[in-house]
């Protein structure tokens, strides 16, 4: 599971970045262990509530606190957790959706091997435009017995020092939440294919940029073929470009790269073969986007 930095409520929009996938950070003398289930949540106008279970795997009691955040996402997949965005009347809210969500409980104590359920509900105002909106649920824990000041933002002379202080005491794990309003549509678009060799020139990585057009994310499978090939030389069974991104870069690595700059490749983005757990998207395996490109 990818490493993720903790969410610190006092941080600005540029202070903390983390992996797009849910992750766990453990640092310093504090040892904790917990899991969240499910790993992602999708809500819409017919399914407006959900629950998240926190499972303790620690041998001691841990206090926890739950926070809902908005996010900014970089094309390579790094995300930034933000305080919930509250647009002014008539202002475009973009992809921000944390303001739509209510949840409880917000904090508590987990005994060893105990489970706690967090209940979520979406309240979508009538005037919200059709589209997909994103948020993240973050859970922070630390050993029980610490007073309320333990959850307070760390005091430091500068922002970098505050982040470092937080890393020494906090665990954080997050899961993405999608809220779909209406029946928005989106289509994938194959943009570029680039090859990057390592310093020795022996190994390298293929970088495929996939764009998104529409008011929701695109979900499917990504495959790379030689221009005249019948079998993919690279493939990813779950390729997602969320609404927060106009374009996302997917990276494929190989010890013996089957393609190099100047080669022609055919890139295919297709619907899932069958329904994927916890992920929306069309099924049937049909092609959603296809393009033949020269590797840069």
Protein backbone atom coordinates (compact mmCIF):
# COMPACT_ATOMS: atom_id res chain seq x y z
CA UNK A 1 0.00 0.00 0.00
CA UNK A 2 1.52 3.37 -0.99
CA UNK A 3 2.84 5.66 1.69
CA UNK A 4 0.72 8.66 2.51
CA UNK A 5 1.49 11.76 4.54
CA UNK A 6 -0.85 12.77 7.36
CA UNK A 7 -3.52 15.45 7.02
CA UNK A 8 -2.85 18.41 9.28
CA UNK A 9 -5.87 20.72 9.56
CA UNK A 10 -3.69 23.76 10.12
CA UNK A 11 -1.79 23.30 6.85
CA UNK A 12 -2.40 25.44 3.83
CA UNK A 13 -3.31 24.13 0.38
CA UNK A 14 0.35 23.62 -0.46
CA UNK A 15 1.59 22.01 2.71
CA UNK A 16 0.81 18.30 2.49
CA UNK A 17 0.84 15.95 -0.52
CA UNK A 18 -0.05 12.25 -0.53
CA UNK A 19 -0.65 9.28 -2.78
CA UNK A 20 -3.88 9.07 -4.80
CA UNK A 21 -4.50 5.68 -3.38
CA UNK A 22 -5.40 5.26 0.30
CA UNK A 23 -2.25 4.83 2.38
CA UNK A 24 -0.81 4.65 5.88
CA UNK A 25 2.08 6.58 7.38
CA UNK A 26 3.94 5.36 10.45
CA UNK A 27 6.78 7.44 11.85
CA UNK A 28 8.47 8.21 15.14
CA UNK A 29 7.91 6.34 18.44
CA UNK A 30 4.14 6.07 18.08
CA UNK A 31 3.09 2.61 16.85
CA UNK A 32 -0.47 2.16 15.63
CA UNK A 33 -2.32 -0.10 13.28
CA UNK A 34 -5.77 0.23 11.75
CA UNK A 35 -7.60 -0.41 8.52
CA UNK A 36 -10.51 1.26 6.75
CA UNK A 37 -13.18 -0.56 4.79
CA UNK A 38 -14.30 -0.02 2.06
CA UNK A 39 -11.34 1.62 0.31
CA UNK A 40 -13.54 3.99 -1.72
CA UNK A 41 -17.14 5.22 -1.67
CA UNK A 42 -19.48 6.22 -4.50
CA UNK A 43 -22.68 8.13 -3.74
CA UNK A 44 -25.39 9.50 -6.03
CA UNK A 45 -28.97 10.77 -5.86
CA UNK A 46 -30.34 7.28 -5.20
CA UNK A 47 -27.58 6.13 -2.85
CA UNK A 48 -26.95 9.01 -0.48
CA UNK A 49 -25.57 7.19 2.56
CA UNK A 50 -22.71 4.84 3.31
CA UNK A 51 -20.60 3.61 6.17
CA UNK A 52 -16.89 3.18 6.78
CA UNK A 53 -15.54 0.68 9.30
CA UNK A 54 -12.35 1.40 11.22
CA UNK A 55 -10.64 -1.79 12.37
CA UNK A 56 -8.06 -1.61 15.15
CA UNK A 57 -5.11 -3.99 14.88
CA UNK A 58 -3.22 -2.40 17.73
CA UNK A 59 -2.39 -4.01 21.06
CA UNK A 60 -3.34 -0.82 22.90
CA UNK A 61 -6.24 1.60 22.93
CA UNK A 62 -6.02 4.43 20.39
CA UNK A 63 -7.87 7.70 20.11
CA UNK A 64 -9.05 8.56 16.62
CA UNK A 65 -10.49 11.59 14.88
CA UNK A 66 -12.33 11.69 11.55
CA UNK A 67 -12.01 14.61 9.11
CA UNK A 68 -13.66 15.24 5.73
CA UNK A 69 -11.51 17.15 3.26
CA UNK A 70 -11.54 18.44 -0.28
CA UNK A 71 -8.63 17.61 -2.57
CA UNK A 72 -6.41 18.92 -5.33
CA UNK A 73 -4.74 16.29 -7.52
CA UNK A 74 -1.63 16.43 -9.70
CA UNK A 75 -1.41 14.59 -13.07
CA UNK A 76 1.14 12.12 -11.66
CA UNK A 77 -1.33 11.14 -8.92
CA UNK A 78 -0.15 13.16 -5.90
CA UNK A 79 -3.02 14.69 -3.96
CA UNK A 80 -3.34 17.52 -1.49
CA UNK A 81 -5.89 17.52 1.32
CA UNK A 82 -7.72 20.83 1.82
CA UNK A 83 -10.12 22.27 4.34
CA UNK A 84 -13.64 21.97 2.84
CA UNK A 85 -14.23 24.53 0.10
CA UNK A 86 -17.39 26.66 0.44
CA UNK A 87 -17.98 28.53 -2.85
CA UNK A 88 -19.89 31.80 -2.78
CA UNK A 89 -23.35 31.87 -4.36
CA UNK A 90 -23.07 31.55 -8.12
CA UNK A 91 -19.39 30.60 -7.97
CA UNK A 92 -18.21 27.49 -9.82
CA UNK A 93 -17.41 24.89 -7.17
CA UNK A 94 -15.37 22.75 -9.59
CA UNK A 95 -14.96 19.19 -8.30
CA UNK A 96 -15.11 20.00 -4.56
CA UNK A 97 -17.71 17.93 -2.67
CA UNK A 98 -16.80 17.75 1.04
CA UNK A 99 -19.38 20.43 1.86
CA UNK A 100 -22.15 18.01 0.77
CA UNK A 101 -21.26 15.37 3.39
CA UNK A 102 -22.32 14.84 7.01
CA UNK A 103 -20.82 12.14 9.23
CA UNK A 104 -20.67 10.75 12.75
CA UNK A 105 -19.03 9.96 15.10
CA UNK A 106 -16.17 12.39 14.60
CA UNK A 107 -13.88 11.01 17.28
CA UNK A 108 -13.61 8.24 19.83
CA UNK A 109 -11.40 5.53 21.29
CA UNK A 110 -10.66 2.18 19.66
CA UNK A 111 -9.83 -0.68 22.01
CA UNK A 112 -7.53 -3.46 20.73
CA UNK A 113 -9.17 -5.44 17.89
CA UNK A 114 -12.30 -3.29 18.10
CA UNK A 115 -14.31 -1.99 15.15
CA UNK A 116 -16.03 1.40 14.88
CA UNK A 117 -18.51 2.36 12.16
CA UNK A 118 -18.52 5.88 10.70
CA UNK A 119 -21.82 6.80 8.99
CA UNK A 120 -21.88 9.19 6.04
CA UNK A 121 -24.77 11.00 4.38
CA UNK A 122 -24.78 13.26 1.31
CA UNK A 123 -27.01 16.35 1.32
CA UNK A 124 -26.97 17.82 -2.17
CA UNK A 125 -28.50 21.29 -2.67
CA UNK A 126 -31.02 21.62 -5.49
CA UNK A 127 -28.99 24.26 -7.32
CA UNK A 128 -25.85 22.12 -7.70
CA UNK A 129 -24.93 21.48 -11.33
CA UNK A 130 -24.82 17.99 -12.80
CA UNK A 131 -21.44 16.34 -12.40
CA UNK A 132 -19.18 14.25 -10.18
CA UNK A 133 -17.81 15.82 -6.98
CA UNK A 134 -14.89 14.55 -4.93
CA UNK A 135 -13.92 14.46 -1.25
CA UNK A 136 -11.75 12.39 1.09
CA UNK A 137 -12.39 10.94 4.51
CA UNK A 138 -9.27 11.01 6.68
CA UNK A 139 -8.85 9.12 9.96
CA UNK A 140 -6.07 10.08 12.38
CA UNK A 141 -5.13 8.04 15.41
CA UNK A 142 -2.72 8.19 18.34
CA UNK A 143 -2.41 6.20 21.58
CA UNK A 144 -5.18 6.78 24.12
CA UNK A 145 -4.47 8.75 27.26
CA UNK A 146 -3.22 11.86 25.51
CA UNK A 147 -5.18 15.01 26.23
CA UNK A 148 -7.03 17.18 23.72
CA UNK A 149 -3.89 19.21 23.06
CA UNK A 150 -2.43 16.13 21.35
CA UNK A 151 -4.87 16.68 18.49
CA UNK A 152 -4.14 20.39 18.22
CA UNK A 153 -2.05 21.68 15.29
CA UNK A 154 1.66 21.52 16.15
CA UNK A 155 3.25 24.82 17.01
CA UNK A 156 6.29 25.70 14.94
CA UNK A 157 8.10 28.72 13.55
CA UNK A 158 7.30 27.79 9.95
CA UNK A 159 5.02 25.51 7.96
CA UNK A 160 7.73 22.96 7.11
CA UNK A 161 8.56 22.52 10.79
CA UNK A 162 4.85 22.07 11.59
CA UNK A 163 4.53 19.27 9.05
CA UNK A 164 7.61 17.53 10.45
CA UNK A 165 6.22 17.76 14.00
CA UNK A 166 2.93 16.28 12.85
CA UNK A 167 4.65 13.34 11.15
CA UNK A 168 6.26 12.37 14.45
CA UNK A 169 2.94 11.95 16.25
CA UNK A 170 0.13 11.24 13.79
CA UNK A 171 -1.13 8.35 11.73
CA UNK A 172 -3.43 9.15 8.85
CA UNK A 173 -5.33 7.02 6.39
CA UNK A 174 -7.75 8.34 3.79
CA UNK A 175 -10.30 7.00 1.32
CA UNK A 176 -11.78 8.81 -1.70
CA UNK A 177 -15.48 9.67 -1.89
CA UNK A 178 -17.33 10.40 -5.15
CA UNK A 179 -20.74 12.12 -5.21
CA UNK A 180 -22.53 12.01 -8.57
CA UNK A 181 -25.30 14.53 -9.28
CA UNK A 182 -27.58 13.86 -12.24
CA UNK A 183 -26.35 11.72 -15.13
CA UNK A 184 -23.03 13.29 -16.20
CA UNK A 185 -20.96 11.78 -18.98
CA UNK A 186 -17.26 11.74 -19.81
CA UNK A 187 -15.01 10.19 -22.41
CA UNK A 188 -11.29 9.29 -22.28
CA UNK A 189 -8.80 10.72 -24.76
CA UNK A 190 -5.34 9.27 -25.46
CA UNK A 191 -2.89 12.20 -25.43
CA UNK A 192 0.83 11.25 -25.56
CA UNK A 193 3.25 8.34 -25.11
CA UNK A 194 6.79 8.99 -23.88
CA UNK A 195 9.70 6.71 -23.00
CA UNK A 196 12.17 7.62 -20.27
CA UNK A 197 15.34 5.54 -19.83
CA UNK A 198 17.27 5.31 -16.57
CA UNK A 199 20.77 6.72 -16.22
CA UNK A 200 22.40 3.50 -17.50
CA UNK A 201 20.03 3.27 -20.47
CA UNK A 202 19.19 -0.35 -19.62
CA UNK A 203 15.78 0.01 -18.00
CA UNK A 204 13.10 2.61 -18.42
CA UNK A 205 9.45 3.51 -18.17
CA UNK A 206 6.68 4.24 -20.61
CA UNK A 207 4.51 7.23 -19.69
CA UNK A 208 1.01 7.29 -21.19
CA UNK A 209 -1.08 10.46 -20.75
CA UNK A 210 -4.86 9.97 -20.82
CA UNK A 211 -7.18 12.97 -20.89
CA UNK A 212 -10.80 13.31 -19.83
CA UNK A 213 -13.61 15.28 -21.44
CA UNK A 214 -16.89 15.72 -19.58
CA UNK A 215 -18.34 16.28 -16.11
CA UNK A 216 -17.24 13.10 -14.37
CA UNK A 217 -14.24 10.77 -14.09
CA UNK A 218 -13.45 8.06 -16.63
CA UNK A 219 -13.03 4.47 -15.48
CA UNK A 220 -11.73 1.49 -17.44
CA UNK A 221 -8.68 -0.54 -18.51
CA UNK A 222 -5.61 0.78 -20.34
CA UNK A 223 -3.59 -1.30 -22.83
CA UNK A 224 -0.51 -0.60 -24.95
CA UNK A 225 0.18 -2.66 -28.11
CA UNK A 226 2.85 -2.58 -30.76
CA UNK A 227 1.30 -0.96 -33.80
CA UNK A 228 0.88 -4.36 -35.51
CA UNK A 229 0.55 -6.43 -32.33
CA UNK A 230 -2.37 -8.54 -31.14
CA UNK A 231 -1.36 -8.86 -27.48
CA UNK A 232 -0.68 -5.90 -25.17
CA UNK A 233 2.91 -5.27 -24.13
CA UNK A 234 1.67 -3.21 -21.18
CA UNK A 235 -1.73 -3.17 -19.50
CA UNK A 236 -3.48 -1.80 -16.43
CA UNK A 237 -6.77 -3.42 -15.45
CA UNK A 238 -7.95 -0.35 -13.50
CA UNK A 239 -7.21 3.03 -15.05
CA UNK A 240 -9.03 6.00 -13.55
CA UNK A 241 -8.90 9.70 -14.43
CA UNK A 242 -10.98 11.42 -11.76
CA UNK A 243 -12.96 14.58 -12.37
CA UNK A 244 -10.39 16.63 -10.48
CA UNK A 245 -7.94 15.98 -13.35
CA UNK A 246 -8.12 16.96 -17.00
CA UNK A 247 -5.28 14.52 -17.71
CA UNK A 248 -3.49 11.76 -15.83
CA UNK A 249 -0.15 10.13 -16.49
CA UNK A 250 0.10 6.33 -16.24
CA UNK A 251 3.57 4.80 -15.93
CA UNK A 252 4.62 1.31 -17.03
CA UNK A 253 8.05 -0.10 -16.17
CA UNK A 254 10.00 -3.05 -17.53
CA UNK A 255 13.50 -4.52 -17.15
CA UNK A 256 13.48 -5.23 -20.89
CA UNK A 257 11.35 -2.50 -22.45
CA UNK A 258 9.41 -3.85 -25.45
CA UNK A 259 9.20 -0.38 -27.01
CA UNK A 260 11.53 2.59 -27.33
CA UNK A 261 11.48 6.11 -28.78
CA UNK A 262 10.52 6.14 -32.42
CA UNK A 263 8.38 2.99 -32.23
CA UNK A 264 4.72 3.14 -33.14
CA UNK A 265 2.28 1.89 -30.49
CA UNK A 266 -1.48 1.55 -30.31
CA UNK A 267 -3.01 2.69 -27.03
CA UNK A 268 -6.48 1.46 -26.08
CA UNK A 269 -8.74 2.59 -23.23
CA UNK A 270 -11.61 0.16 -22.91
CA UNK A 271 -14.57 -0.51 -20.62
CA UNK A 272 -14.10 -3.04 -17.86
CA UNK A 273 -14.65 -6.65 -18.94
CA UNK A 274 -16.96 -7.11 -15.97
CA UNK A 275 -18.13 -5.10 -12.99
CA UNK A 276 -15.29 -4.01 -10.72
CA UNK A 277 -15.68 -3.99 -6.94
CA UNK A 278 -16.35 -0.49 -5.60
CA UNK A 279 -15.55 1.17 -8.97
CA UNK A 280 -18.17 2.55 -11.36
CA UNK A 281 -17.76 2.34 -15.09
CA UNK A 282 -19.14 0.66 -18.17
CA UNK A 283 -18.69 -3.07 -18.66
CA UNK A 284 -18.43 -5.28 -21.72
CA UNK A 285 -14.80 -4.66 -22.67
CA UNK A 286 -15.64 -2.38 -25.63
CA UNK A 287 -13.15 0.26 -26.74
CA UNK A 288 -13.78 3.78 -25.43
CA UNK A 289 -10.73 5.43 -26.98
CA UNK A 290 -7.95 4.26 -29.29
CA UNK A 291 -4.98 5.99 -30.88
CA UNK A 292 -1.77 5.02 -32.68
CA UNK A 293 1.16 7.21 -31.70
CA UNK A 294 4.91 7.41 -32.13
CA UNK A 295 6.75 7.01 -28.83
CA UNK A 296 8.51 10.25 -27.99
